[in-house]
Amino acid sequence: MRVLLDMVIAAGVGLLLLMALWPTQSTGRRLLKSWRVQDPTPAQIDDAIRYLKRRRVLYPVLYAVLTLVPLVSGQGIGSLAAIVLAGTLLAELIATQLHRGGTQRVASLTPRGLFDIANQYVLIAYAVIVVIGLVVLVVDLRIGQIPALVVSVGAVTLVMWAAVARPADGDETVDRALRTRSVHVSAGLGAAVVGALAGGGFVFAGLLAWIAMSNTNYVAKKIFW
């Protein structure tokens, strides 16, 4: 009975976030402008809306499923926050693998590296936060939480790999901007997960890192298409 209640609560939180964050034309326009797509066209805005929808519709299901995972499940606000962070990161990972029907993916003719689409300081900061989190868990003898840290790092790594490796999808300018956003947002979510696992003041630091990384921009120096 308790498990079912936890699933309902988590799914309810996901539904609330889905309704509150449901993408609109203004949301898509604002997202593109924040990632330096000037004067986005209606088609570009549609690409941005589709990008957000593919992630957010997964929230209720993933949050509910994660209540069954011992690494993040439990009782209290802390556990619910961990489920939301982990579920949001997992939604980002799954959504990066989805392809918009009716479009043709185009492979890059120029080799693309992670530092070509992402801010190096975001990547370095994330790596430092992971190391600090690992040290805190080891020093505090909370070895049982290290697998959760490893899983979160693996998810972030997979999102970054997908952002680099996947072929272009849809509008080239929008695809490049959203590719960068995926890397930065996943790194920020990963940092927040590390902070939640470390506990104490690290929780607040992780949330600040999430906000900072998710709003740090980058303009690629190479032309890939």
N, C-alpha and C. Protein backbone atom coordinates (compact mmCIF):
# COMPACT_ATOMS: atom_id res chain seq x y z
N MET A 1 0.83 -1.20 0.00
CA MET A 1 0.00 0.00 0.00
C MET A 1 0.86 1.25 0.00
N ARG A 2 1.93 1.23 0.81
CA ARG A 2 2.84 2.37 0.88
C ARG A 2 3.51 2.62 -0.46
N VAL A 3 3.91 1.53 -1.13
CA VAL A 3 4.57 1.65 -2.43
C VAL A 3 3.64 2.31 -3.44
N LEU A 4 2.38 1.89 -3.44
CA LEU A 4 1.40 2.44 -4.37
C LEU A 4 1.17 3.92 -4.09
N LEU A 5 1.12 4.28 -2.82
CA LEU A 5 0.93 5.68 -2.44
C LEU A 5 2.11 6.53 -2.90
N ASP A 6 3.32 6.01 -2.72
CA ASP A 6 4.52 6.74 -3.16
C ASP A 6 4.49 6.95 -4.67
N MET A 7 4.05 5.93 -5.41
CA MET A 7 3.99 6.04 -6.86
C MET A 7 2.97 7.10 -7.28
N VAL A 8 1.83 7.12 -6.61
CA VAL A 8 0.78 8.09 -6.93
C VAL A 8 1.28 9.50 -6.63
N ILE A 9 1.94 9.69 -5.50
CA ILE A 9 2.45 11.01 -5.14
C ILE A 9 3.49 11.48 -6.16
N ALA A 10 4.43 10.59 -6.51
CA ALA A 10 5.48 10.95 -7.46
C ALA A 10 4.88 11.26 -8.83
N ALA A 11 3.93 10.43 -9.28
CA ALA A 11 3.28 10.69 -10.57
C ALA A 11 2.50 12.00 -10.53
N GLY A 12 1.89 12.29 -9.38
CA GLY A 12 1.15 13.55 -9.24
C GLY A 12 2.07 14.75 -9.34
N VAL A 13 3.24 14.65 -8.72
CA VAL A 13 4.23 15.73 -8.83
C VAL A 13 4.64 15.91 -10.29
N GLY A 14 4.85 14.78 -10.98
CA GLY A 14 5.21 14.85 -12.39
C GLY A 14 4.13 15.50 -13.23
N LEU A 15 2.87 15.18 -12.94
CA LEU A 15 1.76 15.78 -13.68
C LEU A 15 1.66 17.28 -13.42
N LEU A 16 1.87 17.68 -12.16
CA LEU A 16 1.84 19.10 -11.82
C LEU A 16 2.92 19.86 -12.57
N LEU A 17 4.13 19.29 -12.60
CA LEU A 17 5.22 19.92 -13.33
C LEU A 17 4.93 19.96 -14.83
N LEU A 18 4.35 18.88 -15.32
CA LEU A 18 4.01 18.81 -16.75
C LEU A 18 3.02 19.91 -17.12
N MET A 19 1.99 20.11 -16.29
CA MET A 19 0.99 21.14 -16.58
C MET A 19 1.58 22.55 -16.40
N ALA A 20 2.39 22.72 -15.36
CA ALA A 20 2.96 24.04 -15.10
C ALA A 20 3.99 24.43 -16.16
N LEU A 21 4.70 23.44 -16.69
CA LEU A 21 5.79 23.71 -17.63
C LEU A 21 5.43 23.33 -19.06
N TRP A 22 4.15 23.10 -19.33
CA TRP A 22 3.77 22.69 -20.69
C TRP A 22 4.19 23.77 -21.69
N PRO A 23 4.94 23.38 -22.72
CA PRO A 23 5.50 24.38 -23.65
C PRO A 23 4.43 25.05 -24.50
N THR A 24 4.59 26.34 -24.68
CA THR A 24 3.73 27.13 -25.54
C THR A 24 4.59 27.86 -26.57
N GLN A 25 3.95 28.60 -27.44
CA GLN A 25 4.69 29.38 -28.44
C GLN A 25 5.64 30.37 -27.76
N SER A 26 5.17 31.03 -26.71
CA SER A 26 6.02 31.99 -26.01
C SER A 26 7.16 31.29 -25.30
N THR A 27 6.89 30.08 -24.77
CA THR A 27 7.95 29.31 -24.11
C THR A 27 9.02 28.93 -25.12
N GLY A 28 8.61 28.44 -26.29
CA GLY A 28 9.57 28.06 -27.32
C GLY A 28 10.38 29.24 -27.80
N ARG A 29 9.73 30.38 -28.01
CA ARG A 29 10.44 31.58 -28.46
C ARG A 29 11.46 32.03 -27.41
N ARG A 30 11.03 32.02 -26.15
CA ARG A 30 11.92 32.47 -25.08
C ARG A 30 13.12 31.53 -24.93
N LEU A 31 12.87 30.23 -25.07
CA LEU A 31 13.97 29.27 -24.96
C LEU A 31 15.00 29.50 -26.05
N LEU A 32 14.55 29.68 -27.28
CA LEU A 32 15.48 29.87 -28.39
C LEU A 32 16.27 31.17 -28.25
N LYS A 33 15.61 32.22 -27.84
CA LYS A 33 16.32 33.48 -27.66
C LYS A 33 17.35 33.39 -26.55
N SER A 34 17.02 32.63 -25.50
CA SER A 34 17.97 32.49 -24.39
C SER A 34 19.20 31.70 -24.81
N TRP A 35 19.07 30.91 -25.89
CA TRP A 35 20.20 30.15 -26.42
C TRP A 35 20.67 30.72 -27.76
N ARG A 36 20.47 32.05 -27.89
CA ARG A 36 21.06 32.84 -28.97
C ARG A 36 20.58 32.48 -30.37
N VAL A 37 19.33 32.11 -30.46
CA VAL A 37 18.70 31.98 -31.77
C VAL A 37 17.87 33.25 -31.97
N GLN A 38 18.40 34.17 -32.75
CA GLN A 38 17.77 35.47 -32.90
C GLN A 38 16.57 35.39 -33.84
N ASP A 39 15.50 36.09 -33.46
CA ASP A 39 14.29 36.17 -34.27
C ASP A 39 13.85 34.81 -34.80
N PRO A 40 13.55 33.86 -33.90
CA PRO A 40 13.16 32.52 -34.34
C PRO A 40 11.90 32.53 -35.19
N THR A 41 11.89 31.71 -36.21
CA THR A 41 10.73 31.58 -37.09
C THR A 41 9.70 30.65 -36.43
N PRO A 42 8.47 30.64 -36.93
CA PRO A 42 7.46 29.71 -36.38
C PRO A 42 7.91 28.26 -36.44
N ALA A 43 8.59 27.87 -37.53
CA ALA A 43 9.06 26.49 -37.64
C ALA A 43 10.13 26.19 -36.58
N GLN A 44 11.00 27.15 -36.33
CA GLN A 44 12.03 26.96 -35.31
C GLN A 44 11.41 26.87 -33.92
N ILE A 45 10.40 27.68 -33.69
CA ILE A 45 9.70 27.64 -32.40
C ILE A 45 9.02 26.28 -32.22
N ASP A 46 8.45 25.74 -33.29
CA ASP A 46 7.83 24.42 -33.22
C ASP A 46 8.86 23.36 -32.85
N ASP A 47 10.08 23.47 -33.38
CA ASP A 47 11.15 22.54 -33.03
C ASP A 47 11.47 22.61 -31.54
N ALA A 48 11.53 23.83 -31.01
CA ALA A 48 11.83 24.02 -29.59
C ALA A 48 10.72 23.46 -28.71
N ILE A 49 9.47 23.68 -29.11
CA ILE A 49 8.34 23.15 -28.35
C ILE A 49 8.37 21.63 -28.34
N ARG A 50 8.66 21.06 -29.49
CA ARG A 50 8.74 19.60 -29.59
C ARG A 50 9.86 19.07 -28.70
N TYR A 51 10.97 19.76 -28.67
CA TYR A 51 12.11 19.40 -27.82
C TYR A 51 11.69 19.34 -26.35
N LEU A 52 10.97 20.35 -25.89
CA LEU A 52 10.54 20.39 -24.50
C LEU A 52 9.48 19.33 -24.20
N LYS A 53 8.54 19.15 -25.12
CA LYS A 53 7.47 18.17 -24.89
C LYS A 53 8.04 16.76 -24.74
N ARG A 54 9.02 16.40 -25.57
CA ARG A 54 9.58 15.06 -25.52
C ARG A 54 10.18 14.75 -24.16
N ARG A 55 10.61 15.78 -23.45
CA ARG A 55 11.19 15.58 -22.13
C ARG A 55 10.12 15.56 -21.05
N ARG A 56 9.25 16.53 -21.09
CA ARG A 56 8.33 16.73 -19.97
C ARG A 56 7.20 15.73 -19.90
N VAL A 57 6.79 15.16 -21.04
CA VAL A 57 5.72 14.16 -20.98
C VAL A 57 6.19 12.88 -20.28
N LEU A 58 7.50 12.73 -20.14
CA LEU A 58 8.05 11.54 -19.47
C LEU A 58 8.06 11.68 -17.95
N TYR A 59 7.91 12.89 -17.44
CA TYR A 59 8.04 13.11 -16.00
C TYR A 59 7.14 12.23 -15.15
N PRO A 60 5.81 12.21 -15.36
CA PRO A 60 4.95 11.42 -14.46
C PRO A 60 5.33 9.94 -14.41
N VAL A 61 5.57 9.34 -15.57
CA VAL A 61 5.89 7.91 -15.61
C VAL A 61 7.23 7.63 -14.94
N LEU A 62 8.24 8.43 -15.27
CA LEU A 62 9.58 8.18 -14.72
C LEU A 62 9.61 8.40 -13.21
N TYR A 63 8.96 9.44 -12.74
CA TYR A 63 8.92 9.70 -11.30
C TYR A 63 8.28 8.53 -10.57
N ALA A 64 7.18 8.02 -11.12
CA ALA A 64 6.49 6.90 -10.49
C ALA A 64 7.37 5.65 -10.47
N VAL A 65 8.01 5.37 -11.59
CA VAL A 65 8.86 4.18 -11.67
C VAL A 65 10.04 4.27 -10.71
N LEU A 66 10.61 5.46 -10.56
CA LEU A 66 11.79 5.62 -9.70
C LEU A 66 11.48 5.39 -8.22
N THR A 67 10.21 5.44 -7.83
CA THR A 67 9.88 5.12 -6.44
C THR A 67 10.15 3.65 -6.13
N LEU A 68 10.30 2.83 -7.18
CA LEU A 68 10.58 1.41 -7.00
C LEU A 68 12.07 1.10 -6.98
N VAL A 69 12.89 2.13 -7.22
CA VAL A 69 14.34 1.94 -7.29
C VAL A 69 14.95 2.26 -5.92
N PRO A 70 15.59 1.29 -5.27
CA PRO A 70 16.13 1.50 -3.93
C PRO A 70 17.15 2.63 -3.84
N LEU A 71 17.89 2.89 -4.92
CA LEU A 71 18.94 3.91 -4.88
C LEU A 71 18.39 5.31 -4.60
N VAL A 72 17.15 5.58 -5.04
CA VAL A 72 16.60 6.92 -4.86
C VAL A 72 15.32 6.94 -4.06
N SER A 73 14.68 5.80 -3.89
CA SER A 73 13.40 5.77 -3.20
C SER A 73 13.58 5.89 -1.69
N GLY A 74 12.49 6.22 -1.03
CA GLY A 74 12.52 6.38 0.42
C GLY A 74 11.33 7.22 0.85
N GLN A 75 11.44 7.82 2.02
CA GLN A 75 10.36 8.63 2.53
C GLN A 75 10.86 10.04 2.80
N GLY A 76 9.94 11.00 2.70
CA GLY A 76 10.28 12.37 3.02
C GLY A 76 10.55 13.21 1.78
N ILE A 77 10.69 14.53 2.02
CA ILE A 77 10.91 15.49 0.96
C ILE A 77 12.24 15.23 0.25
N GLY A 78 13.26 14.84 1.00
CA GLY A 78 14.57 14.60 0.40
C GLY A 78 14.52 13.51 -0.65
N SER A 79 13.79 12.44 -0.34
CA SER A 79 13.66 11.34 -1.30
C SER A 79 12.87 11.78 -2.52
N LEU A 80 11.82 12.56 -2.32
CA LEU A 80 11.02 13.04 -3.44
C LEU A 80 11.85 13.96 -4.33
N ALA A 81 12.68 14.80 -3.71
CA ALA A 81 13.55 15.68 -4.49
C ALA A 81 14.54 14.87 -5.32
N ALA A 82 15.08 13.80 -4.72
CA ALA A 82 16.01 12.94 -5.45
C ALA A 82 15.33 12.27 -6.63
N ILE A 83 14.08 11.85 -6.43
CA ILE A 83 13.32 11.22 -7.52
C ILE A 83 13.07 12.21 -8.65
N VAL A 84 12.71 13.44 -8.29
CA VAL A 84 12.46 14.47 -9.30
C VAL A 84 13.73 14.78 -10.09
N LEU A 85 14.84 14.93 -9.40
CA LEU A 85 16.12 15.22 -10.08
C LEU A 85 16.53 14.06 -10.98
N ALA A 86 16.47 12.85 -10.43
CA ALA A 86 16.88 11.67 -11.20
C ALA A 86 15.94 11.45 -12.38
N GLY A 87 14.64 11.64 -12.16
CA GLY A 87 13.67 11.44 -13.23
C GLY A 87 13.82 12.46 -14.34
N THR A 88 14.10 13.70 -13.96
CA THR A 88 14.31 14.75 -14.96
C THR A 88 15.55 14.48 -15.79
N LEU A 89 16.61 14.01 -15.12
CA LEU A 89 17.83 13.65 -15.84
C LEU A 89 17.59 12.47 -16.77
N LEU A 90 16.85 11.49 -16.29
CA LEU A 90 16.54 10.32 -17.12
C LEU A 90 15.66 10.72 -18.31
N ALA A 91 14.75 11.65 -18.11
CA ALA A 91 13.91 12.13 -19.21
C ALA A 91 14.77 12.80 -20.28
N GLU A 92 15.77 13.54 -19.84
CA GLU A 92 16.70 14.18 -20.79
C GLU A 92 17.44 13.12 -21.58
N LEU A 93 17.86 12.06 -20.91
CA LEU A 93 18.60 10.99 -21.57
C LEU A 93 17.73 10.28 -22.61
N ILE A 94 16.51 9.94 -22.23
CA ILE A 94 15.62 9.23 -23.15
C ILE A 94 15.24 10.11 -24.33
N ALA A 95 14.96 11.38 -24.04
CA ALA A 95 14.50 12.28 -25.10
C ALA A 95 15.57 12.53 -26.15
N THR A 96 16.83 12.47 -25.76
CA THR A 96 17.91 12.70 -26.73
C THR A 96 17.96 11.59 -27.77
N GLN A 97 17.35 10.45 -27.47
CA GLN A 97 17.36 9.33 -28.41
C GLN A 97 16.15 9.31 -29.33
N LEU A 98 15.19 10.19 -29.07
CA LEU A 98 13.97 10.22 -29.87
C LEU A 98 14.17 11.04 -31.13
N HIS A 99 13.62 10.58 -32.22
CA HIS A 99 13.76 11.25 -33.51
C HIS A 99 12.41 11.74 -33.97
N ARG A 100 12.36 12.97 -34.41
CA ARG A 100 11.10 13.54 -34.89
C ARG A 100 10.71 12.90 -36.19
N GLY A 101 9.53 12.31 -36.23
CA GLY A 101 9.05 11.65 -37.44
C GLY A 101 8.89 12.62 -38.60
N GLY A 102 9.20 12.15 -39.79
CA GLY A 102 9.03 12.97 -40.97
C GLY A 102 10.21 13.84 -41.33
N THR A 103 11.28 13.77 -40.54
CA THR A 103 12.47 14.55 -40.85
C THR A 103 13.62 13.60 -41.15
N GLN A 104 14.56 14.12 -41.89
CA GLN A 104 15.72 13.32 -42.23
C GLN A 104 16.91 13.76 -41.41
N ARG A 105 17.51 12.82 -40.69
CA ARG A 105 18.69 13.15 -39.92
C ARG A 105 19.90 13.22 -40.83
N VAL A 106 20.77 14.20 -40.58
CA VAL A 106 21.93 14.42 -41.42
C VAL A 106 23.18 14.31 -40.57
N ALA A 107 24.11 13.46 -40.98
CA ALA A 107 25.35 13.31 -40.24
C ALA A 107 26.27 14.49 -40.49
N SER A 108 27.07 14.84 -39.49
CA SER A 108 28.01 15.93 -39.61
C SER A 108 29.19 15.52 -40.48
N LEU A 109 29.59 16.42 -41.39
CA LEU A 109 30.76 16.15 -42.22
C LEU A 109 32.05 16.55 -41.51
N THR A 110 31.94 17.43 -40.51
CA THR A 110 33.09 17.87 -39.74
C THR A 110 33.06 17.21 -38.37
N PRO A 111 34.18 16.63 -37.91
CA PRO A 111 34.19 15.98 -36.61
C PRO A 111 33.73 16.95 -35.51
N ARG A 112 32.85 16.47 -34.63
CA ARG A 112 32.32 17.30 -33.57
C ARG A 112 32.78 16.75 -32.23
N GLY A 113 33.34 17.60 -31.39
CA GLY A 113 33.76 17.19 -30.07
C GLY A 113 32.89 17.84 -29.01
N LEU A 114 32.96 17.35 -27.79
CA LEU A 114 32.14 17.88 -26.71
C LEU A 114 32.44 19.35 -26.46
N PHE A 115 33.71 19.73 -26.53
CA PHE A 115 34.07 21.12 -26.27
C PHE A 115 33.68 22.04 -27.43
N ASP A 116 33.25 21.46 -28.54
CA ASP A 116 32.77 22.27 -29.66
C ASP A 116 31.33 22.70 -29.48
N ILE A 117 30.60 22.04 -28.61
CA ILE A 117 29.19 22.40 -28.41
C ILE A 117 28.89 22.80 -26.97
N ALA A 118 29.83 22.62 -26.06
CA ALA A 118 29.58 22.90 -24.65
C ALA A 118 30.64 23.83 -24.07
N ASN A 119 30.24 24.60 -23.10
CA ASN A 119 31.16 25.49 -22.39
C ASN A 119 32.11 24.65 -21.54
N GLN A 120 33.40 24.86 -21.73
CA GLN A 120 34.38 24.04 -21.02
C GLN A 120 34.31 24.22 -19.51
N TYR A 121 33.92 25.41 -19.06
CA TYR A 121 33.84 25.66 -17.63
C TYR A 121 32.68 24.89 -16.99
N VAL A 122 31.60 24.71 -17.74
CA VAL A 122 30.49 23.90 -17.24
C VAL A 122 30.95 22.46 -17.05
N LEU A 123 31.67 21.93 -18.03
CA LEU A 123 32.15 20.54 -17.95
C LEU A 123 33.16 20.37 -16.82
N ILE A 124 34.07 21.32 -16.69
CA ILE A 124 35.08 21.23 -15.63
C ILE A 124 34.42 21.34 -14.26
N ALA A 125 33.47 22.28 -14.12
CA ALA A 125 32.78 22.45 -12.84
C ALA A 125 32.04 21.18 -12.46
N TYR A 126 31.38 20.55 -13.43
CA TYR A 126 30.67 19.30 -13.14
C TYR A 126 31.62 18.22 -12.67
N ALA A 127 32.76 18.08 -13.34
CA ALA A 127 33.74 17.07 -12.95
C ALA A 127 34.25 17.32 -11.52
N VAL A 128 34.50 18.58 -11.20
CA VAL A 128 34.98 18.93 -9.85
C VAL A 128 33.92 18.60 -8.80
N ILE A 129 32.66 18.92 -9.11
CA ILE A 129 31.57 18.64 -8.17
C ILE A 129 31.43 17.14 -7.93
N VAL A 130 31.57 16.34 -8.98
CA VAL A 130 31.49 14.88 -8.82
C VAL A 130 32.61 14.38 -7.91
N VAL A 131 33.82 14.87 -8.12
CA VAL A 131 34.95 14.44 -7.29
C VAL A 131 34.73 14.83 -5.83
N ILE A 132 34.26 16.07 -5.61
CA ILE A 132 34.00 16.52 -4.24
C ILE A 132 32.92 15.66 -3.59
N GLY A 133 31.85 15.38 -4.34
CA GLY A 133 30.78 14.54 -3.81
C GLY A 133 31.28 13.15 -3.45
N LEU A 134 32.12 12.58 -4.31
CA LEU A 134 32.66 11.25 -4.04
C LEU A 134 33.52 11.26 -2.78
N VAL A 135 34.34 12.29 -2.63
CA VAL A 135 35.19 12.40 -1.44
C VAL A 135 34.34 12.51 -0.18
N VAL A 136 33.28 13.32 -0.23
CA VAL A 136 32.40 13.50 0.93
C VAL A 136 31.76 12.17 1.33
N LEU A 137 31.28 11.42 0.35
CA LEU A 137 30.64 10.13 0.65
C LEU A 137 31.63 9.14 1.24
N VAL A 138 32.85 9.13 0.72
CA VAL A 138 33.86 8.20 1.23
C VAL A 138 34.27 8.59 2.64
N VAL A 139 34.53 9.87 2.87
CA VAL A 139 34.96 10.34 4.19
C VAL A 139 33.88 10.07 5.23
N ASP A 140 32.61 10.27 4.85
CA ASP A 140 31.50 10.05 5.78
C ASP A 140 31.10 8.57 5.88
N LEU A 141 31.83 7.72 5.16
CA LEU A 141 31.57 6.28 5.15
C LEU A 141 30.16 5.95 4.66
N ARG A 142 29.67 6.75 3.71
CA ARG A 142 28.35 6.48 3.12
C ARG A 142 28.56 5.76 1.78
N ILE A 143 29.21 4.64 1.86
CA ILE A 143 29.57 3.89 0.67
C ILE A 143 28.33 3.42 -0.10
N GLY A 144 27.24 3.18 0.63
CA GLY A 144 26.02 2.70 -0.01
C GLY A 144 25.42 3.70 -0.99
N GLN A 145 25.81 4.98 -0.91
CA GLN A 145 25.27 5.99 -1.81
C GLN A 145 26.12 6.17 -3.06
N ILE A 146 27.30 5.57 -3.06
CA ILE A 146 28.19 5.73 -4.21
C ILE A 146 27.58 5.15 -5.49
N PRO A 147 26.89 3.99 -5.45
CA PRO A 147 26.26 3.50 -6.69
C PRO A 147 25.30 4.51 -7.32
N ALA A 148 24.54 5.24 -6.49
CA ALA A 148 23.63 6.25 -7.02
C ALA A 148 24.41 7.36 -7.72
N LEU A 149 25.55 7.72 -7.14
CA LEU A 149 26.41 8.73 -7.75
C LEU A 149 26.94 8.24 -9.09
N VAL A 150 27.36 7.00 -9.12
CA VAL A 150 27.89 6.41 -10.36
C VAL A 150 26.82 6.37 -11.45
N VAL A 151 25.61 6.00 -11.06
CA VAL A 151 24.51 5.93 -12.04
C VAL A 151 24.21 7.32 -12.60
N SER A 152 24.19 8.33 -11.74
CA SER A 152 23.91 9.69 -12.21
C SER A 152 25.00 10.18 -13.15
N VAL A 153 26.25 9.88 -12.82
CA VAL A 153 27.36 10.27 -13.70
C VAL A 153 27.25 9.54 -15.04
N GLY A 154 26.85 8.28 -15.00
CA GLY A 154 26.67 7.52 -16.23
C GLY A 154 25.58 8.12 -17.10
N ALA A 155 24.48 8.55 -16.48
CA ALA A 155 23.38 9.16 -17.24
C ALA A 155 23.82 10.46 -17.88
N VAL A 156 24.52 11.29 -17.12
CA VAL A 156 25.02 12.56 -17.66
C VAL A 156 25.99 12.31 -18.81
N THR A 157 26.86 11.34 -18.64
CA THR A 157 27.82 11.00 -19.69
C THR A 157 27.12 10.55 -20.96
N LEU A 158 26.08 9.75 -20.82
CA LEU A 158 25.34 9.28 -21.99
C LEU A 158 24.63 10.43 -22.71
N VAL A 159 24.07 11.38 -21.94
CA VAL A 159 23.43 12.54 -22.56
C VAL A 159 24.45 13.34 -23.35
N MET A 160 25.63 13.54 -22.76
CA MET A 160 26.68 14.29 -23.45
C MET A 160 27.15 13.57 -24.70
N TRP A 161 27.29 12.26 -24.60
CA TRP A 161 27.70 11.48 -25.77
C TRP A 161 26.66 11.60 -26.88
N ALA A 162 25.38 11.49 -26.52
CA ALA A 162 24.32 11.58 -27.51
C ALA A 162 24.28 12.96 -28.16
N ALA A 163 24.53 14.00 -27.36
CA ALA A 163 24.52 15.36 -27.90
C ALA A 163 25.61 15.54 -28.95
N VAL A 164 26.72 14.86 -28.77
CA VAL A 164 27.83 14.96 -29.72
C VAL A 164 27.60 14.05 -30.92
N ALA A 165 27.15 12.82 -30.66
CA ALA A 165 27.15 11.80 -31.70
C ALA A 165 25.91 11.78 -32.58
N ARG A 166 24.76 12.19 -32.05
CA ARG A 166 23.54 12.03 -32.85
C ARG A 166 23.56 12.95 -34.06
N PRO A 167 22.99 12.49 -35.18
CA PRO A 167 22.89 13.33 -36.37
C PRO A 167 21.96 14.51 -36.14
N ALA A 168 22.07 15.52 -37.00
CA ALA A 168 21.23 16.71 -36.88
C ALA A 168 19.77 16.34 -37.10
N ASP A 169 18.89 17.01 -36.36
CA ASP A 169 17.46 16.73 -36.45
C ASP A 169 16.72 18.06 -36.55
N GLY A 170 16.02 18.29 -37.68
CA GLY A 170 15.27 19.52 -37.83
C GLY A 170 16.15 20.69 -38.24
N ASP A 171 15.74 21.90 -37.86
CA ASP A 171 16.46 23.11 -38.21
C ASP A 171 17.88 23.08 -37.65
N GLU A 172 18.85 23.44 -38.47
CA GLU A 172 20.25 23.32 -38.09
C GLU A 172 20.62 24.25 -36.92
N THR A 173 20.16 25.50 -36.99
CA THR A 173 20.48 26.46 -35.94
C THR A 173 19.87 26.05 -34.61
N VAL A 174 18.61 25.63 -34.67
CA VAL A 174 17.91 25.20 -33.45
C VAL A 174 18.54 23.92 -32.91
N ASP A 175 18.86 22.99 -33.79
CA ASP A 175 19.47 21.73 -33.36
C ASP A 175 20.77 21.98 -32.62
N ARG A 176 21.58 22.89 -33.14
CA ARG A 176 22.85 23.19 -32.49
C ARG A 176 22.66 23.80 -31.11
N ALA A 177 21.70 24.75 -31.02
CA ALA A 177 21.44 25.40 -29.74
C ALA A 177 20.89 24.41 -28.71
N LEU A 178 19.96 23.55 -29.12
CA LEU A 178 19.36 22.61 -28.18
C LEU A 178 20.32 21.48 -27.82
N ARG A 179 21.23 21.19 -28.72
CA ARG A 179 22.28 20.21 -28.42
C ARG A 179 23.14 20.71 -27.26
N THR A 180 23.51 21.98 -27.33
CA THR A 180 24.28 22.60 -26.25
C THR A 180 23.48 22.64 -24.96
N ARG A 181 22.20 22.99 -25.07
CA ARG A 181 21.35 23.05 -23.88
C ARG A 181 21.25 21.69 -23.20
N SER A 182 21.15 20.62 -23.97
CA SER A 182 21.05 19.28 -23.38
C SER A 182 22.28 18.97 -22.53
N VAL A 183 23.45 19.32 -23.04
CA VAL A 183 24.69 19.07 -22.29
C VAL A 183 24.71 19.87 -21.00
N HIS A 184 24.39 21.15 -21.09
CA HIS A 184 24.46 22.02 -19.92
C HIS A 184 23.41 21.67 -18.88
N VAL A 185 22.19 21.38 -19.33
CA VAL A 185 21.13 21.04 -18.39
C VAL A 185 21.42 19.71 -17.70
N SER A 186 21.91 18.73 -18.46
CA SER A 186 22.22 17.43 -17.85
C SER A 186 23.36 17.55 -16.85
N ALA A 187 24.36 18.37 -17.17
CA ALA A 187 25.45 18.60 -16.21
C ALA A 187 24.93 19.27 -14.95
N GLY A 188 24.01 20.24 -15.12
CA GLY A 188 23.43 20.91 -13.96
C GLY A 188 22.59 19.96 -13.12
N LEU A 189 21.80 19.12 -13.77
CA LEU A 189 21.01 18.13 -13.04
C LEU A 189 21.92 17.15 -12.31
N GLY A 190 22.99 16.74 -12.99
CA GLY A 190 23.95 15.83 -12.36
C GLY A 190 24.59 16.46 -11.14
N ALA A 191 24.91 17.74 -11.23
CA ALA A 191 25.49 18.45 -10.08
C ALA A 191 24.50 18.51 -8.93
N ALA A 192 23.22 18.74 -9.25
CA ALA A 192 22.19 18.79 -8.21
C ALA A 192 22.02 17.43 -7.54
N VAL A 193 22.11 16.35 -8.32
CA VAL A 193 22.02 15.00 -7.76
C VAL A 193 23.19 14.76 -6.81
N VAL A 194 24.38 15.17 -7.21
CA VAL A 194 25.55 15.01 -6.34
C VAL A 194 25.34 15.77 -5.03
N GLY A 195 24.82 17.00 -5.14
CA GLY A 195 24.57 17.79 -3.94
C GLY A 195 23.55 17.13 -3.03
N ALA A 196 22.51 16.56 -3.63
CA ALA A 196 21.47 15.88 -2.84
C ALA A 196 22.04 14.66 -2.12
N LEU A 197 22.94 13.93 -2.79
CA LEU A 197 23.55 12.76 -2.16
C LEU A 197 24.51 13.15 -1.04
N ALA A 198 25.26 14.24 -1.26
CA ALA A 198 26.22 14.67 -0.25
C ALA A 198 25.52 15.23 0.99
N GLY A 199 24.38 15.90 0.76
CA GLY A 199 23.60 16.41 1.88
C GLY A 199 24.16 17.69 2.47
N GLY A 200 23.47 18.20 3.48
CA GLY A 200 23.92 19.42 4.15
C GLY A 200 23.91 20.62 3.22
N GLY A 201 24.95 21.45 3.35
CA GLY A 201 25.08 22.63 2.51
C GLY A 201 25.31 22.31 1.05
N PHE A 202 25.72 21.07 0.78
CA PHE A 202 25.97 20.68 -0.61
C PHE A 202 24.67 20.64 -1.43
N VAL A 203 23.54 20.44 -0.75
CA VAL A 203 22.26 20.43 -1.46
C VAL A 203 22.01 21.78 -2.11
N PHE A 204 22.18 22.84 -1.33
CA PHE A 204 21.98 24.19 -1.84
C PHE A 204 23.01 24.52 -2.92
N ALA A 205 24.26 24.11 -2.70
CA ALA A 205 25.30 24.34 -3.69
C ALA A 205 25.00 23.63 -5.00
N GLY A 206 24.47 22.41 -4.90
CA GLY A 206 24.11 21.66 -6.09
C GLY A 206 23.00 22.33 -6.87
N LEU A 207 22.01 22.87 -6.16
CA LEU A 207 20.91 23.57 -6.83
C LEU A 207 21.41 24.84 -7.53
N LEU A 208 22.32 25.56 -6.88
CA LEU A 208 22.91 26.75 -7.49
C LEU A 208 23.70 26.38 -8.74
N ALA A 209 24.44 25.27 -8.65
CA ALA A 209 25.20 24.80 -9.82
C ALA A 209 24.27 24.44 -10.96
N TRP A 210 23.15 23.80 -10.64
CA TRP A 210 22.15 23.43 -11.66
C TRP A 210 21.65 24.67 -12.39
N ILE A 211 21.28 25.70 -11.62
CA ILE A 211 20.77 26.94 -12.20
C ILE A 211 21.83 27.60 -13.07
N ALA A 212 23.06 27.68 -12.53
CA ALA A 212 24.15 28.35 -13.26
C ALA A 212 24.49 27.62 -14.56
N MET A 213 24.64 26.30 -14.48
CA MET A 213 25.01 25.53 -15.67
C MET A 213 23.92 25.56 -16.73
N SER A 214 22.67 25.49 -16.29
CA SER A 214 21.55 25.46 -17.23
C SER A 214 21.35 26.79 -17.94
N ASN A 215 21.98 27.84 -17.42
CA ASN A 215 21.83 29.17 -18.02
C ASN A 215 23.14 29.72 -18.55
N THR A 216 24.14 28.85 -18.68
CA THR A 216 25.42 29.26 -19.24
C THR A 216 25.43 28.92 -20.72
N ASN A 217 25.66 29.90 -21.55
CA ASN A 217 25.57 29.68 -22.98
C ASN A 217 26.93 29.43 -23.60
N TYR A 218 26.90 29.06 -24.87
CA TYR A 218 28.13 28.79 -25.62
C TYR A 218 27.82 28.85 -27.10
N VAL A 219 28.70 29.45 -27.86
CA VAL A 219 28.55 29.51 -29.30
C VAL A 219 29.65 28.66 -29.92
N ALA A 220 29.26 27.63 -30.68
CA ALA A 220 30.23 26.74 -31.30
C ALA A 220 31.07 27.50 -32.32
N LYS A 221 32.35 27.17 -32.39
CA LYS A 221 33.25 27.84 -33.33
C LYS A 221 33.31 27.14 -34.68
N LYS A 222 32.84 25.91 -34.72
CA LYS A 222 32.86 25.15 -35.96
C LYS A 222 31.50 25.18 -36.63
N ILE A 223 31.50 24.99 -37.93
CA ILE A 223 30.26 24.83 -38.68
C ILE A 223 30.13 23.37 -39.04
N PHE A 224 29.05 22.72 -38.59
CA PHE A 224 28.93 21.29 -38.73
C PHE A 224 28.04 20.89 -39.90
N TRP A 225 27.25 21.84 -40.43
CA TRP A 225 26.30 21.42 -41.45
C TRP A 225 26.50 22.25 -42.72
